[in-house]
Each structure stands twice: as C-alpha cells, then as structure tokens.
Protein backbone atom coordinates (compact mmCIF):
# COMPACT_ATOMS: atom_id res chain seq x y z
CA MET A 1 0.00 0.00 0.00
CA ALA A 2 1.32 3.41 -0.90
CA SER A 3 2.35 5.94 1.71
CA GLN A 4 -0.54 7.96 3.12
CA HIS A 5 1.55 11.12 3.02
CA GLN A 6 1.84 12.47 -0.49
CA PRO A 7 5.23 14.05 -1.24
CA ASP A 8 5.58 17.63 -2.41
CA TYR A 9 7.00 16.34 -5.70
CA ASP A 10 7.37 12.95 -7.28
CA VAL A 11 10.94 13.83 -8.25
CA ILE A 12 13.40 16.33 -6.84
CA ALA A 13 16.67 16.78 -8.71
CA VAL A 14 19.69 18.92 -7.96
CA GLY A 15 21.43 20.55 -10.91
CA ALA A 16 19.95 22.53 -13.81
CA GLY A 17 22.51 21.69 -16.47
CA PHE A 18 22.04 19.18 -19.29
CA ALA A 19 20.99 16.50 -16.80
CA GLY A 20 18.40 18.60 -15.00
CA LEU A 21 16.88 19.94 -18.21
CA GLY A 22 16.71 16.49 -19.76
CA LEU A 23 15.13 15.06 -16.62
CA ILE A 24 12.32 17.60 -16.71
CA HIS A 25 11.40 16.52 -20.22
CA TYR A 26 11.47 12.77 -19.60
CA ILE A 27 9.86 12.84 -16.13
CA ARG A 28 7.12 15.14 -17.36
CA GLU A 29 6.52 12.79 -20.30
CA ALA A 30 6.01 10.03 -17.72
CA GLY A 31 3.23 12.12 -16.14
CA LEU A 32 5.03 12.92 -12.90
CA SER A 33 5.86 16.14 -11.08
CA ILE A 34 9.44 17.33 -10.80
CA ARG A 35 11.33 20.18 -9.20
CA VAL A 36 14.93 20.94 -10.18
CA PHE A 37 16.98 23.04 -7.77
CA ASP A 38 20.23 24.81 -8.54
CA LYS A 39 22.31 27.15 -6.39
CA ALA A 40 23.37 29.15 -9.45
CA SER A 41 21.49 32.19 -10.70
CA ASP A 42 20.98 30.63 -14.12
CA ILE A 43 20.54 27.25 -15.74
CA GLY A 44 23.46 25.69 -17.57
CA GLY A 45 25.49 23.82 -14.96
CA THR A 46 29.06 23.70 -16.26
CA TRP A 47 28.32 26.49 -18.70
CA THR A 48 27.08 28.84 -16.01
CA TRP A 49 30.01 28.30 -13.68
CA ASN A 50 32.89 28.01 -16.16
CA ARG A 51 33.05 31.45 -17.72
CA TYR A 52 36.79 31.82 -17.92
CA PRO A 53 38.32 33.28 -21.12
CA GLY A 54 38.33 30.67 -23.89
CA ALA A 55 35.91 28.27 -22.17
CA ALA A 56 34.45 26.01 -24.87
CA THR A 57 33.34 22.46 -25.50
CA ASP A 58 35.85 19.77 -26.40
CA SER A 59 33.16 17.80 -28.18
CA GLU A 60 31.90 19.15 -31.48
CA GLY A 61 28.78 21.19 -30.76
CA TYR A 62 26.41 19.47 -33.16
CA TYR A 63 26.42 16.31 -31.04
CA TYR A 64 27.16 17.98 -27.71
CA CYS A 65 23.43 18.40 -27.14
CA LEU A 66 20.27 16.60 -26.05
CA THR A 67 18.44 14.72 -28.77
CA PHE A 68 14.88 14.15 -27.50
CA SER A 69 13.49 16.91 -29.74
CA LYS A 70 14.12 16.53 -33.47
CA GLU A 71 12.50 19.91 -33.93
CA ILE A 72 15.12 21.63 -31.77
CA LEU A 73 17.93 19.75 -33.51
CA GLN A 74 16.70 21.24 -36.77
CA GLU A 75 15.99 24.75 -35.47
CA TRP A 76 19.08 25.50 -33.40
CA ARG A 77 22.08 26.83 -35.32
CA TRP A 78 25.64 26.38 -34.06
CA SER A 79 28.07 29.05 -35.21
CA GLN A 80 31.25 26.94 -35.00
CA ARG A 81 32.69 23.49 -34.46
CA TYR A 82 33.40 23.98 -30.73
CA PRO A 83 30.94 26.43 -29.15
CA GLY A 84 32.12 28.76 -26.42
CA TRP A 85 30.36 28.85 -23.08
CA GLU A 86 28.11 31.74 -24.15
CA GLU A 87 26.80 29.83 -27.16
CA THR A 88 26.28 26.57 -25.25
CA LEU A 89 24.42 28.47 -22.54
CA GLY A 90 22.35 30.13 -25.25
CA TYR A 91 21.43 26.70 -26.61
CA MET A 92 20.29 25.59 -23.16
CA HIS A 93 18.12 28.69 -22.81
CA PHE A 94 16.64 27.97 -26.22
CA LEU A 95 15.88 24.42 -25.09
CA ALA A 96 14.29 25.60 -21.83
CA ASP A 97 12.18 28.19 -23.64
CA LYS A 98 11.09 25.91 -26.45
CA CYS A 99 10.16 23.02 -24.15
CA ASP A 100 8.68 25.20 -21.37
CA LEU A 101 11.04 23.83 -18.75
CA TRP A 102 11.28 26.98 -16.61
CA PRO A 103 8.21 26.33 -14.40
CA HIS A 104 9.96 23.24 -12.99
CA ILE A 105 13.24 25.01 -12.10
CA GLN A 106 14.12 26.85 -8.89
CA LEU A 107 17.39 28.80 -9.06
CA ASN A 108 19.42 30.53 -6.35
CA THR A 109 18.62 27.63 -4.03
CA GLU A 110 21.37 25.54 -2.50
CA ILE A 111 20.44 22.10 -1.21
CA SER A 112 22.19 21.42 2.10
CA SER A 113 21.00 17.86 2.75
CA ALA A 114 18.85 15.00 1.50
CA GLU A 115 17.80 12.30 3.96
CA TYR A 116 15.89 9.08 3.29
CA GLN A 117 12.91 8.65 5.62
CA GLU A 118 12.36 5.00 6.55
CA ASP A 119 8.82 5.52 7.85
CA SER A 120 7.47 7.11 4.67
CA GLY A 121 9.86 5.79 2.02
CA GLN A 122 10.38 9.38 0.91
CA TRP A 123 13.33 11.77 0.76
CA LEU A 124 13.45 14.89 2.92
CA VAL A 125 15.34 17.62 1.09
CA THR A 126 16.51 20.71 2.98
CA THR A 127 17.69 23.97 1.40
CA GLY A 128 20.38 26.26 2.72
CA SER A 129 17.69 28.65 3.97
CA GLY A 130 15.99 25.88 5.95
CA GLU A 131 13.06 25.16 3.63
CA GLN A 132 12.13 21.48 3.39
CA PHE A 133 10.55 19.49 0.60
CA THR A 134 9.67 15.82 0.24
CA CYS A 135 9.84 13.61 -2.81
CA LYS A 136 9.53 9.96 -3.73
CA TYR A 137 12.59 9.95 -5.98
CA PHE A 138 15.73 11.99 -5.34
CA ILE A 139 18.12 12.45 -8.27
CA SER A 140 21.62 13.91 -8.42
CA ALA A 141 21.96 15.81 -11.68
CA MET A 142 25.00 17.73 -10.48
CA GLY A 143 27.47 16.45 -13.04
CA MET A 144 30.81 14.69 -12.80
CA ILE A 145 33.02 17.79 -12.64
CA SER A 146 31.06 20.40 -10.71
CA GLN A 147 32.76 20.45 -7.29
CA PRO A 148 35.94 22.58 -7.49
CA TYR A 149 39.12 21.24 -5.96
CA ILE A 150 41.43 23.68 -4.21
CA PRO A 151 44.61 22.00 -3.00
CA GLU A 152 46.07 22.72 0.42
CA ILE A 153 48.38 25.59 -0.49
CA LYS A 154 49.88 27.56 2.36
CA GLY A 155 48.72 31.15 2.37
CA VAL A 156 45.98 30.68 -0.22
CA ASP A 157 43.83 33.29 1.57
CA SER A 158 46.62 35.80 2.07
CA PHE A 159 46.89 37.14 -1.49
CA LYS A 160 45.76 40.77 -1.65
CA GLY A 161 44.49 40.67 -5.23
CA PRO A 162 41.79 38.51 -6.87
CA CYS A 163 42.47 34.81 -6.23
CA PHE A 164 39.80 32.31 -7.24
CA HIS A 165 39.11 28.91 -8.78
CA SER A 166 38.72 29.01 -12.55
CA SER A 167 35.16 27.65 -12.31
CA ARG A 168 34.20 30.58 -10.10
CA TRP A 169 35.36 33.27 -12.52
CA PRO A 170 33.93 36.64 -11.41
CA GLN A 171 30.65 36.91 -13.30
CA GLU A 172 30.83 40.69 -13.37
CA GLY A 173 33.96 40.26 -15.44
CA LEU A 174 37.63 40.63 -14.61
CA ASP A 175 39.94 43.14 -16.24
CA TYR A 176 43.22 41.30 -16.70
CA ALA A 177 44.50 43.50 -19.52
CA GLY A 178 47.94 44.81 -18.64
CA LYS A 179 47.99 42.70 -15.45
CA ARG A 180 50.40 40.03 -14.23
CA VAL A 181 48.52 36.73 -13.98
CA GLY A 182 49.60 33.51 -12.29
CA ILE A 183 47.79 30.28 -13.20
CA ILE A 184 48.24 27.25 -10.97
CA GLY A 185 47.48 24.13 -13.03
CA SER A 186 48.02 23.17 -16.65
CA GLY A 187 45.01 20.97 -17.47
CA ALA A 188 42.14 21.48 -19.89
CA THR A 189 41.06 24.81 -18.38
CA THR A 190 44.51 26.36 -18.73
CA VAL A 191 44.89 24.93 -22.22
CA GLN A 192 41.81 26.92 -23.25
CA MET A 193 42.43 29.97 -21.09
CA LEU A 194 46.11 30.73 -21.68
CA PRO A 195 46.02 31.69 -25.39
CA VAL A 196 43.18 34.15 -24.79
CA MET A 197 44.57 35.78 -21.64
CA ALA A 198 48.06 36.07 -23.10
CA GLU A 199 46.77 38.38 -25.84
CA THR A 200 46.17 41.29 -23.44
CA ALA A 201 47.73 40.41 -20.07
CA ALA A 202 51.09 41.98 -19.29
CA GLU A 203 52.41 38.59 -18.26
CA VAL A 204 50.99 35.08 -17.71
CA THR A 205 52.91 32.48 -15.73
CA VAL A 206 51.71 28.87 -15.71
CA PHE A 207 52.67 26.65 -12.77
CA GLN A 208 52.66 23.10 -14.11
CA ARG A 209 52.71 19.85 -12.15
CA THR A 210 52.11 17.31 -14.93
CA PRO A 211 52.17 18.06 -18.69
CA ASN A 212 49.35 16.83 -20.91
CA PHE A 213 49.01 15.28 -24.34
CA VAL A 214 47.23 18.20 -26.00
CA MET A 215 45.74 17.48 -29.42
CA PRO A 216 44.63 20.07 -31.97
CA ALA A 217 41.01 21.20 -31.90
CA VAL A 218 41.02 22.85 -35.34
CA GLN A 219 38.18 25.31 -34.76
CA GLN A 220 36.00 25.92 -37.82
CA PRO A 221 32.97 28.10 -38.56
CA MET A 222 29.69 26.30 -39.26
CA THR A 223 29.04 26.77 -42.96
CA ASP A 224 25.59 26.47 -44.54
CA GLU A 225 26.71 23.40 -46.46
CA TRP A 226 28.09 21.68 -43.34
CA GLU A 227 24.97 22.52 -41.33
CA LYS A 228 22.72 21.16 -44.08
CA ASP A 229 24.68 17.90 -44.15
CA ILE A 230 24.43 17.57 -40.35
CA LYS A 231 20.71 18.21 -40.19
CA GLU A 232 19.95 15.84 -43.05
CA ASN A 233 21.84 13.09 -41.24
CA TYR A 234 21.00 13.67 -37.59
CA ASP A 235 19.53 10.20 -37.07
CA GLU A 236 22.83 8.67 -38.24
CA ILE A 237 24.85 11.08 -36.08
CA ILE A 238 22.84 10.20 -32.98
CA ALA A 239 23.24 6.50 -33.74
CA LYS A 240 26.99 6.94 -34.06
CA CYS A 241 27.15 8.58 -30.63
CA ARG A 242 25.04 5.82 -29.12
CA ASN A 243 27.31 3.14 -30.55
CA HIS A 244 30.72 4.72 -30.05
CA VAL A 245 33.17 3.76 -27.32
CA PHE A 246 33.34 7.39 -26.12
CA GLY A 247 29.84 8.45 -27.13
CA MET A 248 31.01 10.56 -30.05
CA ALA A 249 29.87 10.75 -33.66
CA PHE A 250 33.01 9.08 -34.96
CA ASP A 251 33.58 6.23 -37.39
CA SER A 252 34.95 3.54 -35.07
CA PRO A 253 36.32 0.96 -35.06
CA VAL A 254 38.19 1.62 -38.26
CA GLY A 255 39.36 -1.99 -38.69
CA ARG A 256 43.05 -1.16 -38.48
CA ASN A 257 45.61 -1.82 -35.73
CA LEU A 258 48.83 0.12 -35.52
CA ALA A 259 50.65 -3.02 -34.40
CA ASP A 260 49.95 -4.57 -37.82
CA THR A 261 50.78 -1.48 -39.88
CA PRO A 262 54.21 -0.66 -41.43
CA ALA A 263 55.97 2.27 -39.73
CA ASP A 264 55.93 4.53 -42.80
CA GLU A 265 52.20 3.94 -43.22
CA VAL A 266 51.62 4.71 -39.53
CA GLN A 267 53.33 8.06 -39.90
CA LYS A 268 51.32 8.86 -43.02
CA ILE A 269 48.01 8.05 -41.30
CA PHE A 270 48.91 10.14 -38.26
CA GLU A 271 49.92 13.09 -40.43
CA GLU A 272 46.67 12.84 -42.41
CA HIS A 273 44.48 12.84 -39.30
CA TRP A 274 46.37 15.38 -37.16
CA PRO A 275 45.08 18.48 -39.02
CA ARG A 276 41.49 17.19 -38.88
CA GLY A 277 41.36 18.01 -35.18
CA SER A 278 39.41 16.69 -32.16
CA PHE A 279 39.71 13.26 -30.58
CA ARG A 280 39.35 11.78 -34.04
CA PHE A 281 43.16 11.48 -34.01
CA VAL A 282 42.80 8.71 -31.42
CA PHE A 283 39.56 7.07 -32.55
CA GLU A 284 39.78 7.27 -36.33
CA THR A 285 43.40 6.28 -36.90
CA PHE A 286 43.94 2.89 -35.25
CA ASP A 287 41.80 0.67 -33.05
CA ASP A 288 44.53 -0.40 -30.63
CA LEU A 289 45.89 2.93 -29.34
CA LEU A 290 44.23 2.53 -25.93
CA SER A 291 44.83 -1.19 -25.52
CA ASN A 292 48.31 -1.87 -26.91
CA ALA A 293 51.23 -0.22 -25.06
CA ASP A 294 53.51 -0.10 -28.10
CA SER A 295 50.79 1.38 -30.29
CA ASN A 296 49.96 3.94 -27.64
CA LYS A 297 53.62 4.92 -27.37
CA ALA A 298 53.82 5.46 -31.11
CA ALA A 299 50.91 7.91 -30.90
CA ALA A 300 52.44 9.58 -27.82
CA ASP A 301 55.78 9.97 -29.57
CA PHE A 302 54.05 11.52 -32.58
CA ILE A 303 52.34 14.10 -30.34
CA ALA A 304 55.65 14.79 -28.56
CA GLY A 305 57.18 15.56 -31.94
CA LYS A 306 54.39 18.02 -32.69
CA ILE A 307 55.00 19.78 -29.37
CA LYS A 308 58.63 20.28 -30.29
CA GLU A 309 57.61 21.64 -33.69
CA LYS A 310 55.26 24.21 -32.14
CA VAL A 311 57.30 25.40 -29.13
CA LYS A 312 60.44 27.30 -30.16
CA ASP A 313 62.35 27.05 -26.87
CA PRO A 314 63.64 23.44 -26.61
CA GLU A 315 63.74 23.60 -22.81
CA VAL A 316 60.12 24.74 -22.58
CA ALA A 317 59.07 22.14 -25.16
CA GLU A 318 60.74 19.47 -23.06
CA LEU A 319 58.86 20.59 -19.94
CA LEU A 320 55.57 20.51 -21.86
CA THR A 321 56.17 16.97 -23.14
CA PRO A 322 54.47 14.22 -21.11
CA LYS A 323 56.72 11.46 -19.80
CA GLY A 324 56.17 8.22 -17.98
CA TYR A 325 52.49 7.73 -18.73
CA PRO A 326 50.45 6.68 -21.76
CA LEU A 327 48.14 8.77 -23.88
CA PHE A 328 44.67 8.92 -22.21
CA ALA A 329 45.91 7.95 -18.73
CA LYS A 330 45.09 11.62 -18.19
CA ARG A 331 42.20 13.20 -20.06
CA PRO A 332 43.82 14.95 -23.09
CA PRO A 333 42.64 18.51 -23.77
CA LEU A 334 42.19 20.08 -27.20
CA ASP A 335 44.48 22.87 -28.36
CA HIS A 336 43.36 26.32 -29.55
CA GLY A 337 46.86 27.81 -29.57
CA PHE A 338 48.15 26.58 -26.21
CA TYR A 339 51.61 25.53 -27.33
CA GLU A 340 52.12 28.58 -29.53
CA ALA A 341 51.32 30.81 -26.54
CA PHE A 342 54.63 29.77 -24.98
CA ASN A 343 56.45 31.42 -27.87
CA ARG A 344 55.22 34.79 -26.61
CA ASP A 345 57.57 36.95 -24.55
CA ASN A 346 54.87 37.50 -21.90
CA VAL A 347 54.21 33.79 -21.17
CA LYS A 348 56.32 31.77 -18.74
CA LEU A 349 56.24 28.15 -17.58
CA VAL A 350 57.27 27.01 -14.10
CA ASP A 351 57.76 23.31 -13.36
CA ILE A 352 56.49 22.76 -9.81
CA ASN A 353 56.82 19.01 -10.00
CA GLN A 354 60.61 18.78 -9.77
CA ARG A 355 62.42 22.02 -10.54
CA GLU A 356 60.56 24.53 -8.38
CA PRO A 357 58.02 22.98 -6.00
CA LEU A 358 55.34 25.44 -4.94
CA VAL A 359 55.85 26.62 -1.36
CA GLU A 360 53.13 29.17 -0.65
CA ILE A 361 50.92 31.96 -1.86
CA THR A 362 51.97 35.28 -0.38
CA GLU A 363 50.29 38.69 -0.14
CA THR A 364 51.79 39.67 -3.49
CA GLY A 365 52.32 36.46 -5.43
CA ILE A 366 53.53 32.85 -5.42
CA ARG A 367 56.69 31.53 -3.81
CA THR A 368 58.47 28.40 -5.04
CA THR A 369 61.60 26.82 -3.63
CA GLU A 370 63.64 28.94 -6.05
CA ASN A 371 61.79 32.20 -6.70
CA HIS A 372 59.07 34.59 -5.65
CA TYR A 373 56.72 35.61 -8.50
CA GLU A 374 54.74 38.85 -8.19
CA PHE A 375 51.16 38.87 -9.53
CA ASP A 376 48.07 41.06 -9.73
CA ILE A 377 45.71 38.07 -10.21
CA ILE A 378 46.00 34.38 -9.31
CA VAL A 379 43.79 31.76 -10.96
CA LEU A 380 43.48 28.32 -9.38
CA ALA A 381 42.95 26.06 -12.40
CA THR A 382 43.28 23.07 -10.10
CA GLY A 383 40.46 20.88 -11.36
CA PHE A 384 37.57 19.17 -9.66
CA GLN A 385 36.62 16.48 -7.20
CA ALA A 386 35.34 14.44 -10.11
CA TYR A 387 32.30 12.14 -10.05
CA THR A 388 31.81 12.09 -6.26
CA GLY A 389 32.60 15.59 -4.98
CA ALA A 390 29.20 17.17 -5.52
CA GLN A 391 27.27 14.29 -3.93
CA GLU A 392 29.67 14.09 -1.00
CA ALA A 393 29.34 17.82 -0.34
CA LEU A 394 25.55 17.62 -0.34
CA GLY A 395 25.09 15.52 2.78
CA ILE A 396 23.07 12.61 1.35
CA ARG A 397 21.96 10.08 3.96
CA GLY A 398 20.44 6.69 3.15
CA ARG A 399 19.11 3.87 5.29
CA ASN A 400 20.16 3.86 8.94
CA GLY A 401 21.49 7.38 8.48
CA ILE A 402 24.53 6.26 6.49
CA LEU A 403 26.28 9.23 4.89
CA LEU A 404 27.17 8.76 1.23
CA LYS A 405 30.52 10.45 1.78
CA ASP A 406 31.38 7.86 4.45
CA LYS A 407 30.30 4.97 2.24
CA TRP A 408 32.64 6.24 -0.47
CA GLU A 409 35.62 6.76 1.84
CA SER A 410 37.67 3.98 0.20
CA VAL A 411 35.69 2.86 -2.84
CA SER A 412 33.24 5.02 -4.78
CA ALA A 413 30.87 2.11 -5.32
CA SER A 414 27.72 2.16 -7.44
CA ILE A 415 25.57 0.12 -9.75
CA MET A 416 26.41 1.39 -13.24
CA GLY A 417 26.99 4.88 -11.86
CA VAL A 418 23.23 5.26 -11.34
CA CYS A 419 22.25 3.59 -8.04
CA VAL A 420 23.94 3.00 -4.68
CA ALA A 421 23.22 0.18 -2.23
CA GLU A 422 21.66 1.39 1.04
CA PHE A 423 20.19 4.43 -0.72
CA PRO A 424 16.63 3.54 -1.86
CA ASN A 425 14.93 5.65 -4.54
CA LEU A 426 18.18 7.55 -5.12
CA PHE A 427 19.46 7.92 -8.67
CA MET A 428 22.55 9.60 -10.07
CA ILE A 429 23.22 10.80 -13.58
CA THR A 430 26.79 9.96 -14.68
CA GLY A 431 27.83 9.06 -11.15
CA PRO A 432 31.03 7.21 -10.23
CA GLN A 433 31.79 4.11 -12.33
CA ALA A 434 29.79 5.35 -15.29
CA PRO A 435 31.83 5.89 -18.47
CA PHE A 436 33.67 9.08 -19.27
CA ALA A 437 32.31 9.95 -22.69
CA ASN A 438 30.54 12.70 -24.62
CA LEU A 439 28.44 13.82 -21.69
CA PRO A 440 25.08 14.74 -23.26
CA THR A 441 24.93 11.26 -24.81
CA SER A 442 25.67 9.55 -21.49
CA ILE A 443 23.33 11.89 -19.62
CA GLU A 444 20.41 11.11 -21.91
CA GLN A 445 21.04 7.36 -21.74
CA ASN A 446 21.07 7.57 -17.93
CA ILE A 447 17.89 9.63 -17.85
CA MET A 448 16.04 7.16 -20.06
CA TYR A 449 17.13 4.29 -17.81
CA ILE A 450 16.03 6.12 -14.66
CA THR A 451 12.72 7.17 -16.19
CA ASP A 452 12.02 3.59 -17.33
CA CYS A 453 12.65 2.40 -13.77
CA ILE A 454 10.32 5.03 -12.33
CA ARG A 455 7.65 4.17 -14.92
CA LYS A 456 7.83 0.54 -13.85
CA MET A 457 7.42 1.47 -10.19
CA GLU A 458 4.50 3.77 -10.85
CA SER A 459 2.66 1.41 -13.19
CA GLU A 460 3.12 -1.61 -10.91
CA GLY A 461 2.39 0.19 -7.65
CA TYR A 462 5.82 -0.01 -6.02
CA ASP A 463 6.93 2.53 -3.42
CA ILE A 464 10.60 1.71 -3.01
CA CYS A 465 13.42 0.43 -5.19
CA VAL A 466 16.30 -1.02 -3.18
CA PRO A 467 19.65 -1.34 -4.97
CA SER A 468 21.20 -4.76 -4.42
CA GLN A 469 24.48 -4.94 -2.50
CA ALA A 470 25.43 -8.00 -4.53
CA ALA A 471 24.81 -6.11 -7.78
CA GLU A 472 26.90 -3.20 -6.51
CA ASP A 473 29.75 -5.51 -5.53
CA ALA A 474 29.58 -7.16 -8.95
CA TRP A 475 29.71 -3.82 -10.79
CA VAL A 476 32.63 -2.58 -8.68
CA ALA A 477 34.55 -5.78 -9.41
CA HIS A 478 33.69 -5.70 -13.12
CA THR A 479 34.72 -2.03 -13.42
CA ALA A 480 38.02 -2.72 -11.67
CA GLU A 481 38.70 -5.75 -13.86
CA ILE A 482 38.07 -3.77 -17.05
CA HIS A 483 40.17 -0.91 -15.76
CA GLU A 484 43.18 -3.13 -15.12
CA GLN A 485 43.07 -4.30 -18.74
CA THR A 486 43.51 -0.76 -20.06
CA LEU A 487 46.39 1.66 -20.20
CA MET A 488 44.28 4.15 -18.22
CA ALA A 489 45.13 2.20 -15.07
CA GLN A 490 48.34 4.21 -14.91
CA GLY A 491 46.44 7.42 -14.23
CA ASP A 492 47.04 7.29 -10.49
CA LYS A 493 50.77 7.79 -11.14
CA VAL A 494 50.20 11.20 -12.72
CA HIS A 495 47.47 12.66 -10.51
CA SER A 496 44.68 11.91 -12.99
CA TRP A 497 41.26 13.14 -11.85
CA MET A 498 39.84 10.12 -13.67
CA MET A 499 41.24 8.09 -10.76
CA GLY A 500 40.55 10.70 -8.11
CA ALA A 501 44.35 10.90 -7.85
CA ASN A 502 44.33 14.71 -8.08
CA ILE A 503 42.93 14.92 -4.54
CA GLU A 504 45.52 15.10 -1.80
CA HIS A 505 45.18 12.59 1.06
CA LYS A 506 42.60 10.55 -0.85
CA LYS A 507 43.13 7.01 -1.99
CA PRO A 508 42.98 6.65 -5.81
CA ARG A 509 40.05 4.57 -6.94
CA VAL A 510 38.34 3.45 -10.14
CA LEU A 511 35.90 6.23 -10.95
CA ILE A 512 35.23 5.39 -14.59
CA TYR A 513 33.88 2.42 -16.50
CA PHE A 514 36.38 1.86 -19.29
CA GLY A 515 34.57 -0.98 -21.03
CA GLY A 516 33.23 1.43 -23.65
CA ALA A 517 30.30 3.83 -23.48
CA ASN A 518 28.46 1.84 -26.14
CA VAL A 519 28.84 -1.36 -24.11
CA TYR A 520 27.66 0.50 -21.02
CA TYR A 521 24.58 1.81 -22.84
CA ASP A 522 23.81 -1.76 -23.88
CA LYS A 523 24.06 -2.86 -20.25
CA LEU A 524 21.58 -0.17 -19.22
CA ARG A 525 19.17 -1.34 -21.89
CA GLU A 526 19.65 -4.99 -20.94
CA SER A 527 18.87 -4.16 -17.31
CA ALA A 528 15.74 -2.19 -18.20
CA ASP A 529 14.49 -4.85 -20.61
CA GLY A 530 15.09 -7.47 -17.92
CA GLY A 531 13.02 -5.66 -15.33
CA PHE A 532 15.95 -4.08 -13.46
CA PRO A 533 17.32 -7.22 -11.77
CA GLU A 534 19.86 -5.12 -9.84
CA LEU A 535 17.00 -3.57 -7.85
CA ALA A 536 14.43 -5.01 -5.46
CA PHE A 537 11.00 -3.40 -5.62
CA GLU A 538 8.88 -3.07 -2.49
CA ARG A 539 5.52 -1.73 -1.35
CA MET A 540 5.09 0.14 1.91
CA ALA A 541 3.15 -1.73 4.58
CA GLY A 542 0.12 -0.23 6.24
C-alpha cells in the first residue's frame, strides 16, 4: 500500500545543467511532477560556472546536445565546431524556452542535505535557507566535474588581489588586460584559457605539475553546407554517438591496428588525421591505441614531436612533453593555440613538479623553492573532485542514516553509476563508475534508464526500489577488472582526476567504467528490458 503522506513532488533533482533539463522533459513525459533546484542564478550547470576566457566544449557542438526533440535539432544553429560557453548556454536557454522547462526550475537555491525517511519511504530535502521538501525519488543531476578542488596551499587566503578557482570566474567580469597573472594548473582549463589571456595580459605564468598530451582542436565556422549535411543526417549522427566507445559521432572501429601497420604507413596516417582536429586522431586512426602499449607509445611519440615543432624554446618544449604515462591515462585537452602561446615573450612556464616545488601563496604572489613571483591576479585552475565531490558535499543520507561520503571513503561504489546500495529511490546521472564519454549522450542514456525504472514502479504500484548490495559488488569488481586491462590504469601515477588521484590525502580509486560507453549503454538497456534485476521493488506496509 502506498504511503498515506503524499510528497511535495514525485521527483526532486539537484542541478539545472544538461541532466536537470533532460530530466524535466522525460519525467514530465512520464506524467510525474518534478522540481529541479540549482544554487546558481541561471541554468546551464558547467556552462554557467565556467566562464573563464576561452571556455568552450571539447566535443563538437552538433552532437554535444540533447536529442529528444528533433524539432530543436533542426531549429538550433551552431556558429562553429566547438561552441564557447556563451553559445552553449544560449542553446540551453533555447531548449528551456522551447520546451517550457522553466516552471519546474528553482534557481538561487542551495540544497544542504537530503535524507531518506524509513517511515514514509520518501526523501526529505533541505535547502540552505531551511526550507524542506519531500519527494519519492531523489536524483543527483550535479554532473561529474562540478565540485571545485582547491589544494592545500599555504597562504591561499593571504593574497591581496583577486584569487579564485577558474570555475568561479567573477561573473561581473575581470579586467586582466595589462595585469600580471599567475595560473596554478596546466590541465584542460589552462589549455583553453592561456592563449586568450596572453593576448592582453602583461604577463601570464603557468605553474605546471604534470604536462598533458594536447591534441589540436582545429576550430571551424559552421558553414551552410556543413549545417545542411548535419541536419539531413542527424539520425545517423545520434546512432553513431550511441554506438561509439566514447559516445562521439566518430567512425569507429576503423578496422586497423597500428601493431599490424608498417611504420611509414603509420606516420602517413597520423599526419593525415592530425590536421582534422578533435579526438578523431585517437579514434579514427587505429583501433589499438588505448589497448596496446607499443601502439599507444607510437601515438604519444608523434604528439611529442608536434609539441617540439610548435614550441620554439627546446627547454620549454621538453617541460611541456608528457613522460612516464600513456596517452589517455590523463584526459587529453584540445588545443586552440596553447603551445604557440609559450612562444610569446609575456608567457612563462614554471615546473612545480621537480624544478621549483610550490611553497606558498603570499600577499603579493607565489613563492616556489627557487623564486618569488609577483602577480596582480591568481587563478586556481586546479580541477575538480570528479564524479563524487558534488554528492559528497551535499550531505546525502540513506538507510540507517549512512552518509554517502562515508560509504565512499575507500571505494566510490555504485551500480552502473546510477544507483547506490543502502540508498533507496536515489538515482545519479553519470555518477562514479559510469563511463567518461561525450556527456550529453551519457546523460540522456542515464535519464532514459532512470525514467524507465520510475515508470515501472509507478505502473506496478511499487513505493521503493532497493539497490542490491550483490549487484553493486559485482559492478565494482567488473569495473576494476576492465580498468586493469587498459592503459588508463596508470592514471594514479600522474594525478589523474579520472582516478581521483588529483585529490591530496585521498586514496585513488576506479571512478570510470572503461569498457566502452556503447557497451555500457547496452548494459543499461539490458537491465531495463530485464526488469531491473539489480533492484528489489517493495511496497510500503500499512
């Protein structure tokens, strides 16, 4: 028998980015009520918070989008291959307007806790201002890289000028023209930010711990002919994303292994694909780059050669060249002029891994073991607490008051990155141990799986879905086994956020399912078609 106390909403979700917007559509189609909360002042998730200079997608825009509306796919016009944050945010506003999603969204509202209530089988959700709401289903739509990570740097609060995380860029704007800027971190954010800031800043100094394999983006305007071809073939493009190992609209596998290809032919294929840009260099050249160590090294060596071609100073080029880890053990960024920026007189690189370890931030700059650098602005491009950080910060409590953060102390366990044992009626979108892939594709696949589960519960009169501990243990073991078979297992050696290894004092763990996004999507579908065997469905007594 269902609970006598009706919840305020059938579904409450936290996060009004791609996941939250998609949820509104699918949950509303299922005939249920939903409220999406976000602490930001606008929708957009990543694209509201990350407003640093040069912020743009690393997936090509025409498939970095939700696909439930063919009408919107045909109406929206992208201006270029990789949209900047303004354009992506504009797309999300267009989606919200067109699909009338706004009535289900509450902005400027931080959720401080979510607690499962045993007596009612509902979730009690509390806001930062003390308001409380109840729901039958609680969903984390906060994204995999939404919780900023600020390392323990001595004196971080002592700097007299602006000092902030890159994902909290001052929304009123920041005048860095003619200023001395220090950037701590050299990952994807800095790769995008540096070329833009260097154009007008007096000086930009990058403090690098681990260099990255940065591949060319090759930005291009969207021509009428290209747009026409895309829109005439959207069904095929969506199918490619659904069936690709990283959820992208690439032709893969290509039926060719580097290990079986003559060396001169390998070089020719690499040279042909390099100027095409994007991750196509990895996925449309050879099928064994991520599984065969020798093949991976050949690709890594090719990229290292390109770095040396682009960077004039041999010493700087050497510092920017990755060593001791394979391509994709760290997430490779895409280049919009990153390497060329180091040829400018106003750009400097400081190696804080071995040559000049960072000591502290002072009132006027950054001190290393060798020098003191004076700055007007310091940007902490130090990454995120990926996959788990947002949920852990929220204060989610399941059965018997267990705190999700405590459960994940050693192993960030889940069932397919969607459900967690001991947390009934809780769902996550792209949670830990889901694949790292083109995110809108993965998000939509997760939403469809969650909505199918909720439809089953509603149509069959169930009140509670209880994730199986055995199913969770099996998924954790399977994810770890797959991980060990890949070259990405070496990510913990180079502080990869894909292993949680960028977080000080935290044990590295397997955060990503590396069996292929397409295989993962098949597993979601198999589970749904089989009646969700990983979950037990119950009715409330009384």
